[in-house]
N, C-alpha and C. Protein backbone atom coordinates (compact mmCIF):
# COMPACT_ATOMS: atom_id res chain seq x y z
N MET A 1 -5.12 -23.05 6.94
CA MET A 1 -5.15 -21.61 6.79
C MET A 1 -6.50 -21.09 7.27
N THR A 2 -6.48 -20.35 8.36
CA THR A 2 -7.68 -19.72 8.89
C THR A 2 -7.55 -18.23 8.66
N VAL A 3 -8.17 -17.75 7.60
CA VAL A 3 -7.99 -16.36 7.20
C VAL A 3 -9.22 -15.55 7.56
N ARG A 4 -8.96 -14.36 8.09
CA ARG A 4 -10.02 -13.40 8.37
C ARG A 4 -9.88 -12.27 7.36
N ILE A 5 -10.98 -11.92 6.69
CA ILE A 5 -10.98 -10.84 5.72
C ILE A 5 -11.95 -9.77 6.22
N ALA A 6 -11.47 -8.54 6.30
CA ALA A 6 -12.31 -7.46 6.80
C ALA A 6 -11.88 -6.13 6.19
N GLN A 7 -12.82 -5.19 6.19
CA GLN A 7 -12.49 -3.84 5.78
C GLN A 7 -11.48 -3.29 6.79
N THR A 8 -10.56 -2.45 6.31
CA THR A 8 -9.50 -1.97 7.18
C THR A 8 -9.14 -0.52 6.89
N ASP A 9 -8.60 0.15 7.89
CA ASP A 9 -8.01 1.48 7.72
C ASP A 9 -6.49 1.39 7.70
N ASP A 10 -5.96 0.17 7.77
CA ASP A 10 -4.51 -0.05 7.82
C ASP A 10 -3.93 -0.02 6.41
N LEU A 11 -3.88 1.17 5.84
CA LEU A 11 -3.41 1.33 4.48
C LEU A 11 -1.93 0.95 4.34
N ASP A 12 -1.13 1.21 5.36
CA ASP A 12 0.30 0.86 5.28
C ASP A 12 0.50 -0.63 5.03
N THR A 13 -0.27 -1.48 5.71
CA THR A 13 -0.14 -2.92 5.51
C THR A 13 -0.61 -3.31 4.10
N CYS A 14 -1.71 -2.71 3.65
CA CYS A 14 -2.20 -2.99 2.29
C CYS A 14 -1.15 -2.59 1.26
N LEU A 15 -0.55 -1.43 1.44
CA LEU A 15 0.47 -0.96 0.50
C LEU A 15 1.71 -1.86 0.52
N ALA A 16 2.08 -2.36 1.69
CA ALA A 16 3.23 -3.26 1.79
C ALA A 16 2.97 -4.55 1.02
N LEU A 17 1.76 -5.10 1.12
CA LEU A 17 1.40 -6.30 0.36
C LEU A 17 1.44 -6.01 -1.14
N ARG A 18 0.88 -4.89 -1.53
CA ARG A 18 0.86 -4.52 -2.95
C ARG A 18 2.27 -4.30 -3.47
N ARG A 19 3.13 -3.70 -2.67
CA ARG A 19 4.53 -3.50 -3.07
C ARG A 19 5.19 -4.85 -3.35
N GLN A 20 4.97 -5.80 -2.44
CA GLN A 20 5.60 -7.11 -2.59
C GLN A 20 5.13 -7.81 -3.86
N VAL A 21 3.82 -7.79 -4.11
CA VAL A 21 3.27 -8.52 -5.26
C VAL A 21 3.45 -7.75 -6.57
N PHE A 22 3.03 -6.50 -6.61
CA PHE A 22 3.03 -5.78 -7.88
C PHE A 22 4.40 -5.21 -8.25
N ILE A 23 5.06 -4.55 -7.32
CA ILE A 23 6.32 -3.88 -7.63
C ILE A 23 7.48 -4.88 -7.66
N GLU A 24 7.61 -5.67 -6.59
CA GLU A 24 8.75 -6.59 -6.52
C GLU A 24 8.57 -7.83 -7.39
N GLU A 25 7.38 -8.45 -7.34
CA GLU A 25 7.18 -9.71 -8.06
C GLU A 25 6.82 -9.50 -9.53
N GLN A 26 5.96 -8.52 -9.82
CA GLN A 26 5.48 -8.33 -11.20
C GLN A 26 6.16 -7.17 -11.92
N SER A 27 7.08 -6.50 -11.26
CA SER A 27 7.86 -5.40 -11.86
C SER A 27 7.02 -4.22 -12.34
N VAL A 28 5.92 -3.95 -11.65
CA VAL A 28 5.13 -2.74 -11.92
C VAL A 28 5.87 -1.58 -11.28
N SER A 29 5.93 -0.45 -11.98
CA SER A 29 6.64 0.69 -11.41
C SER A 29 5.86 1.25 -10.21
N GLU A 30 6.59 1.83 -9.28
CA GLU A 30 5.94 2.43 -8.11
C GLU A 30 5.01 3.55 -8.53
N ALA A 31 5.39 4.31 -9.55
CA ALA A 31 4.56 5.42 -10.03
C ALA A 31 3.20 4.92 -10.54
N GLU A 32 3.18 3.72 -11.16
CA GLU A 32 1.92 3.17 -11.64
C GLU A 32 1.11 2.51 -10.52
N GLU A 33 1.80 1.91 -9.57
CA GLU A 33 1.10 1.22 -8.48
C GLU A 33 0.47 2.21 -7.51
N VAL A 34 1.18 3.25 -7.15
CA VAL A 34 0.68 4.25 -6.21
C VAL A 34 0.05 5.38 -7.03
N ASP A 35 -1.27 5.31 -7.22
CA ASP A 35 -1.96 6.19 -8.17
C ASP A 35 -2.70 7.36 -7.53
N GLY A 36 -2.60 7.52 -6.22
CA GLY A 36 -3.25 8.64 -5.57
C GLY A 36 -4.73 8.43 -5.25
N LEU A 37 -5.26 7.26 -5.53
CA LEU A 37 -6.69 7.00 -5.30
C LEU A 37 -6.97 6.28 -3.99
N ASP A 38 -5.93 5.85 -3.28
CA ASP A 38 -6.15 5.06 -2.06
C ASP A 38 -6.90 5.80 -0.97
N GLY A 39 -6.73 7.11 -0.90
CA GLY A 39 -7.39 7.89 0.14
C GLY A 39 -8.90 7.90 0.01
N SER A 40 -9.40 7.72 -1.21
CA SER A 40 -10.86 7.74 -1.42
C SER A 40 -11.43 6.33 -1.59
N ALA A 41 -10.62 5.32 -1.34
CA ALA A 41 -11.06 3.93 -1.55
C ALA A 41 -11.38 3.24 -0.23
N LEU A 42 -12.16 2.16 -0.34
CA LEU A 42 -12.37 1.24 0.78
C LEU A 42 -11.35 0.11 0.59
N HIS A 43 -10.74 -0.33 1.67
CA HIS A 43 -9.70 -1.35 1.58
C HIS A 43 -10.09 -2.58 2.39
N LEU A 44 -9.76 -3.76 1.86
CA LEU A 44 -9.95 -5.01 2.58
C LEU A 44 -8.59 -5.65 2.80
N LEU A 45 -8.47 -6.33 3.93
CA LEU A 45 -7.22 -6.98 4.29
C LEU A 45 -7.52 -8.41 4.73
N ALA A 46 -6.75 -9.35 4.17
CA ALA A 46 -6.87 -10.75 4.56
C ALA A 46 -5.69 -11.08 5.46
N VAL A 47 -5.98 -11.65 6.64
CA VAL A 47 -4.95 -11.96 7.62
C VAL A 47 -5.07 -13.43 8.01
N ASP A 48 -3.94 -14.14 7.93
CA ASP A 48 -3.87 -15.54 8.35
C ASP A 48 -3.19 -15.55 9.72
N GLY A 49 -3.98 -15.75 10.77
CA GLY A 49 -3.45 -15.63 12.13
C GLY A 49 -3.10 -14.18 12.39
N THR A 50 -1.80 -13.87 12.38
CA THR A 50 -1.38 -12.47 12.53
C THR A 50 -0.67 -11.96 11.28
N LYS A 51 -0.57 -12.83 10.25
CA LYS A 51 0.19 -12.46 9.05
C LYS A 51 -0.73 -11.96 7.94
N PRO A 52 -0.54 -10.71 7.48
CA PRO A 52 -1.30 -10.22 6.33
C PRO A 52 -0.91 -11.01 5.08
N VAL A 53 -1.92 -11.49 4.33
CA VAL A 53 -1.63 -12.33 3.16
C VAL A 53 -2.32 -11.86 1.88
N GLY A 54 -3.22 -10.88 1.97
CA GLY A 54 -3.89 -10.40 0.77
C GLY A 54 -4.63 -9.11 1.01
N THR A 55 -4.93 -8.42 -0.09
CA THR A 55 -5.65 -7.17 0.02
C THR A 55 -6.38 -6.87 -1.28
N ALA A 56 -7.32 -5.96 -1.22
CA ALA A 56 -8.04 -5.45 -2.38
C ALA A 56 -8.59 -4.09 -2.01
N ARG A 57 -8.89 -3.29 -3.03
CA ARG A 57 -9.52 -1.99 -2.76
C ARG A 57 -10.75 -1.83 -3.63
N LEU A 58 -11.60 -0.92 -3.19
CA LEU A 58 -12.88 -0.67 -3.84
C LEU A 58 -13.06 0.83 -4.00
N LEU A 59 -13.28 1.28 -5.23
CA LEU A 59 -13.57 2.68 -5.52
C LEU A 59 -15.02 2.77 -5.94
N LEU A 60 -15.77 3.69 -5.35
CA LEU A 60 -17.20 3.83 -5.63
C LEU A 60 -17.43 5.07 -6.49
N LYS A 61 -18.16 4.88 -7.60
CA LYS A 61 -18.50 6.00 -8.47
C LYS A 61 -19.85 5.73 -9.09
N GLY A 62 -20.82 6.58 -8.76
CA GLY A 62 -22.17 6.37 -9.27
C GLY A 62 -22.71 5.04 -8.78
N GLU A 63 -23.17 4.21 -9.73
CA GLU A 63 -23.71 2.90 -9.37
C GLU A 63 -22.66 1.80 -9.49
N THR A 64 -21.41 2.19 -9.72
CA THR A 64 -20.35 1.22 -9.99
C THR A 64 -19.33 1.14 -8.85
N ALA A 65 -18.98 -0.07 -8.50
CA ALA A 65 -17.89 -0.33 -7.56
C ALA A 65 -16.74 -0.90 -8.37
N LYS A 66 -15.61 -0.19 -8.40
CA LYS A 66 -14.44 -0.66 -9.14
C LYS A 66 -13.50 -1.38 -8.20
N ILE A 67 -13.34 -2.67 -8.45
CA ILE A 67 -12.44 -3.50 -7.65
C ILE A 67 -11.04 -3.39 -8.25
N GLY A 68 -10.06 -3.21 -7.39
CA GLY A 68 -8.70 -3.10 -7.91
C GLY A 68 -7.67 -3.47 -6.87
N ARG A 69 -6.43 -3.48 -7.34
CA ARG A 69 -5.27 -3.75 -6.49
C ARG A 69 -5.47 -5.03 -5.67
N VAL A 70 -6.05 -6.05 -6.34
CA VAL A 70 -6.27 -7.35 -5.69
C VAL A 70 -4.97 -8.13 -5.72
N CYS A 71 -4.49 -8.53 -4.55
CA CYS A 71 -3.27 -9.33 -4.53
C CYS A 71 -3.27 -10.29 -3.35
N VAL A 72 -2.63 -11.43 -3.58
CA VAL A 72 -2.46 -12.47 -2.57
C VAL A 72 -0.98 -12.85 -2.59
N LEU A 73 -0.38 -12.93 -1.42
CA LEU A 73 1.02 -13.34 -1.36
C LEU A 73 1.23 -14.71 -1.98
N HIS A 74 2.38 -14.92 -2.57
CA HIS A 74 2.69 -16.18 -3.24
C HIS A 74 2.43 -17.39 -2.33
N SER A 75 2.79 -17.25 -1.04
CA SER A 75 2.64 -18.35 -0.09
C SER A 75 1.18 -18.73 0.18
N ALA A 76 0.24 -17.84 -0.16
CA ALA A 76 -1.18 -18.10 0.09
C ALA A 76 -1.96 -18.40 -1.19
N ARG A 77 -1.29 -18.41 -2.32
CA ARG A 77 -1.98 -18.70 -3.59
C ARG A 77 -2.33 -20.18 -3.68
N GLY A 78 -3.43 -20.46 -4.37
CA GLY A 78 -3.85 -21.84 -4.54
C GLY A 78 -4.63 -22.38 -3.36
N THR A 79 -4.97 -21.51 -2.41
CA THR A 79 -5.67 -21.93 -1.19
C THR A 79 -7.15 -21.58 -1.21
N GLY A 80 -7.59 -20.87 -2.26
CA GLY A 80 -8.96 -20.38 -2.31
C GLY A 80 -9.10 -18.99 -1.73
N LEU A 81 -8.00 -18.42 -1.24
CA LEU A 81 -8.05 -17.08 -0.63
C LEU A 81 -8.46 -16.01 -1.63
N GLY A 82 -7.97 -16.10 -2.86
CA GLY A 82 -8.32 -15.09 -3.86
C GLY A 82 -9.82 -15.01 -4.07
N ALA A 83 -10.48 -16.16 -4.19
CA ALA A 83 -11.93 -16.20 -4.37
C ALA A 83 -12.65 -15.64 -3.15
N LYS A 84 -12.17 -15.99 -1.96
CA LYS A 84 -12.78 -15.46 -0.73
C LYS A 84 -12.61 -13.95 -0.64
N LEU A 85 -11.46 -13.46 -1.07
CA LEU A 85 -11.21 -12.02 -1.06
C LEU A 85 -12.17 -11.30 -2.00
N ILE A 86 -12.36 -11.84 -3.20
CA ILE A 86 -13.29 -11.22 -4.16
C ILE A 86 -14.72 -11.28 -3.62
N GLN A 87 -15.13 -12.41 -3.04
CA GLN A 87 -16.47 -12.49 -2.46
C GLN A 87 -16.66 -11.45 -1.36
N SER A 88 -15.64 -11.24 -0.55
CA SER A 88 -15.71 -10.23 0.51
C SER A 88 -15.83 -8.83 -0.06
N VAL A 89 -15.07 -8.54 -1.11
CA VAL A 89 -15.16 -7.23 -1.76
C VAL A 89 -16.55 -7.03 -2.34
N LEU A 90 -17.10 -8.07 -2.96
CA LEU A 90 -18.46 -7.97 -3.50
C LEU A 90 -19.48 -7.73 -2.40
N ASP A 91 -19.31 -8.37 -1.25
CA ASP A 91 -20.22 -8.15 -0.11
C ASP A 91 -20.17 -6.70 0.35
N VAL A 92 -18.96 -6.13 0.42
CA VAL A 92 -18.82 -4.72 0.82
C VAL A 92 -19.48 -3.83 -0.23
N ALA A 93 -19.28 -4.13 -1.51
CA ALA A 93 -19.88 -3.34 -2.58
C ALA A 93 -21.41 -3.37 -2.49
N ARG A 94 -21.97 -4.56 -2.28
CA ARG A 94 -23.43 -4.70 -2.19
C ARG A 94 -24.01 -3.89 -1.03
N ALA A 95 -23.22 -3.72 0.02
CA ALA A 95 -23.69 -3.00 1.22
C ALA A 95 -23.69 -1.48 1.02
N GLN A 96 -23.11 -1.00 -0.08
CA GLN A 96 -23.06 0.44 -0.32
C GLN A 96 -24.34 0.87 -1.03
N PRO A 97 -24.96 1.96 -0.59
CA PRO A 97 -26.20 2.43 -1.22
C PRO A 97 -26.01 2.76 -2.70
N GLY A 98 -26.92 2.26 -3.53
CA GLY A 98 -26.94 2.62 -4.94
C GLY A 98 -25.98 1.87 -5.84
N ILE A 99 -25.17 0.99 -5.30
CA ILE A 99 -24.21 0.27 -6.13
C ILE A 99 -24.92 -0.90 -6.81
N ALA A 100 -24.84 -0.94 -8.15
CA ALA A 100 -25.56 -1.96 -8.92
C ALA A 100 -24.64 -2.92 -9.65
N ARG A 101 -23.35 -2.54 -9.82
CA ARG A 101 -22.45 -3.43 -10.54
C ARG A 101 -21.03 -3.26 -10.04
N ALA A 102 -20.25 -4.30 -10.27
CA ALA A 102 -18.83 -4.27 -9.93
C ALA A 102 -18.05 -4.44 -11.22
N VAL A 103 -16.98 -3.68 -11.36
CA VAL A 103 -16.09 -3.80 -12.52
C VAL A 103 -14.66 -3.97 -12.03
N LEU A 104 -13.83 -4.53 -12.89
CA LEU A 104 -12.41 -4.66 -12.57
C LEU A 104 -11.64 -4.82 -13.87
N GLY A 105 -10.36 -4.54 -13.80
CA GLY A 105 -9.44 -4.80 -14.91
C GLY A 105 -8.64 -6.03 -14.56
N ALA A 106 -8.88 -7.12 -15.26
CA ALA A 106 -8.24 -8.40 -14.93
C ALA A 106 -7.02 -8.64 -15.80
N GLN A 107 -5.95 -9.11 -15.17
CA GLN A 107 -4.82 -9.58 -15.95
C GLN A 107 -5.32 -10.77 -16.78
N ILE A 108 -4.86 -10.85 -18.03
CA ILE A 108 -5.35 -11.87 -18.96
C ILE A 108 -5.32 -13.28 -18.36
N GLN A 109 -4.25 -13.62 -17.65
CA GLN A 109 -4.15 -14.98 -17.11
C GLN A 109 -5.17 -15.22 -16.00
N ALA A 110 -5.83 -14.16 -15.50
CA ALA A 110 -6.81 -14.32 -14.42
C ALA A 110 -8.26 -14.28 -14.92
N LEU A 111 -8.48 -14.20 -16.23
CA LEU A 111 -9.85 -14.11 -16.74
C LEU A 111 -10.71 -15.29 -16.28
N GLY A 112 -10.18 -16.49 -16.39
CA GLY A 112 -10.94 -17.68 -15.98
C GLY A 112 -11.31 -17.66 -14.51
N PHE A 113 -10.38 -17.19 -13.68
CA PHE A 113 -10.63 -17.06 -12.24
C PHE A 113 -11.84 -16.17 -11.99
N TYR A 114 -11.87 -15.01 -12.63
CA TYR A 114 -12.97 -14.06 -12.42
C TYR A 114 -14.27 -14.55 -13.07
N GLU A 115 -14.17 -15.24 -14.20
CA GLU A 115 -15.38 -15.80 -14.83
C GLU A 115 -16.07 -16.78 -13.89
N LYS A 116 -15.29 -17.60 -13.18
CA LYS A 116 -15.87 -18.55 -12.22
C LYS A 116 -16.59 -17.83 -11.08
N LEU A 117 -16.22 -16.56 -10.85
CA LEU A 117 -16.86 -15.77 -9.79
C LEU A 117 -17.99 -14.89 -10.33
N GLY A 118 -18.41 -15.15 -11.57
CA GLY A 118 -19.58 -14.47 -12.12
C GLY A 118 -19.29 -13.22 -12.92
N PHE A 119 -18.04 -12.93 -13.21
CA PHE A 119 -17.70 -11.74 -14.00
C PHE A 119 -17.68 -12.11 -15.48
N ALA A 120 -18.01 -11.13 -16.33
CA ALA A 120 -17.98 -11.31 -17.79
C ALA A 120 -17.05 -10.25 -18.38
N ALA A 121 -16.19 -10.68 -19.30
CA ALA A 121 -15.26 -9.76 -19.95
C ALA A 121 -15.98 -8.90 -20.97
N PHE A 122 -15.50 -7.66 -21.14
CA PHE A 122 -16.01 -6.79 -22.19
C PHE A 122 -14.88 -5.88 -22.66
N GLY A 123 -15.00 -5.42 -23.89
CA GLY A 123 -14.00 -4.50 -24.43
C GLY A 123 -12.72 -5.21 -24.84
N PRO A 124 -11.80 -4.42 -25.39
CA PRO A 124 -10.55 -4.99 -25.91
C PRO A 124 -9.52 -5.27 -24.82
N VAL A 125 -8.50 -6.02 -25.19
CA VAL A 125 -7.34 -6.22 -24.33
C VAL A 125 -6.54 -4.92 -24.34
N TYR A 126 -6.01 -4.52 -23.20
CA TYR A 126 -5.21 -3.30 -23.12
C TYR A 126 -4.03 -3.52 -22.18
N ASP A 127 -3.03 -2.67 -22.35
CA ASP A 127 -1.82 -2.75 -21.54
C ASP A 127 -1.99 -1.89 -20.29
N ASP A 128 -1.75 -2.46 -19.14
CA ASP A 128 -1.73 -1.72 -17.89
C ASP A 128 -0.45 -2.11 -17.17
N ALA A 129 0.46 -1.18 -17.04
CA ALA A 129 1.75 -1.41 -16.36
C ALA A 129 2.54 -2.54 -17.01
N GLY A 130 2.44 -2.65 -18.35
CA GLY A 130 3.20 -3.66 -19.06
C GLY A 130 2.58 -5.05 -19.03
N ILE A 131 1.35 -5.16 -18.51
CA ILE A 131 0.66 -6.45 -18.40
C ILE A 131 -0.67 -6.35 -19.14
N ASP A 132 -0.96 -7.33 -20.01
CA ASP A 132 -2.24 -7.32 -20.73
C ASP A 132 -3.40 -7.54 -19.76
N HIS A 133 -4.43 -6.70 -19.91
CA HIS A 133 -5.63 -6.73 -19.07
C HIS A 133 -6.88 -6.72 -19.96
N ARG A 134 -7.98 -7.05 -19.35
CA ARG A 134 -9.28 -6.91 -20.00
C ARG A 134 -10.28 -6.52 -18.92
N ASP A 135 -11.19 -5.60 -19.25
CA ASP A 135 -12.22 -5.20 -18.29
C ASP A 135 -13.25 -6.30 -18.12
N MET A 136 -13.78 -6.40 -16.91
CA MET A 136 -14.81 -7.39 -16.60
C MET A 136 -15.85 -6.73 -15.71
N GLU A 137 -17.08 -7.24 -15.75
CA GLU A 137 -18.12 -6.71 -14.87
C GLU A 137 -19.00 -7.83 -14.35
N ARG A 138 -19.64 -7.51 -13.25
CA ARG A 138 -20.63 -8.40 -12.64
C ARG A 138 -21.76 -7.54 -12.09
N ILE A 139 -22.97 -7.86 -12.49
CA ILE A 139 -24.14 -7.14 -11.97
C ILE A 139 -24.40 -7.63 -10.56
N LEU A 140 -24.65 -6.68 -9.65
CA LEU A 140 -24.90 -7.06 -8.25
C LEU A 140 -26.39 -7.12 -8.01
């Protein structure tokens, strides 16, 4: 797997990946997945050859970069792509003026994954689209 991860303006491809993972695979409603924030976000796209395999978005507010909508196609899971995608998102966040920390809402089963990438959980467990989540942060 030779994957290229880069910032993109190809929102349609990012949305198609998110539809496949969140709406079709995880049964998140379209109303919850499409939240109206994509127009003000930075988007990253992971491509294996010519096939899109993952995406993430970044919302900037004050000194905080909020990482969200992170997804990797089932066929690319377990390859290290998720970690590379998060590292790429963090690189983009660090390049933004004034950004000092990254936050995200992690699905409970992914807490260990994000902890290995330097994130620390804070606050209570909460329901997001029928899936238990917990907030996490990493100082940049």
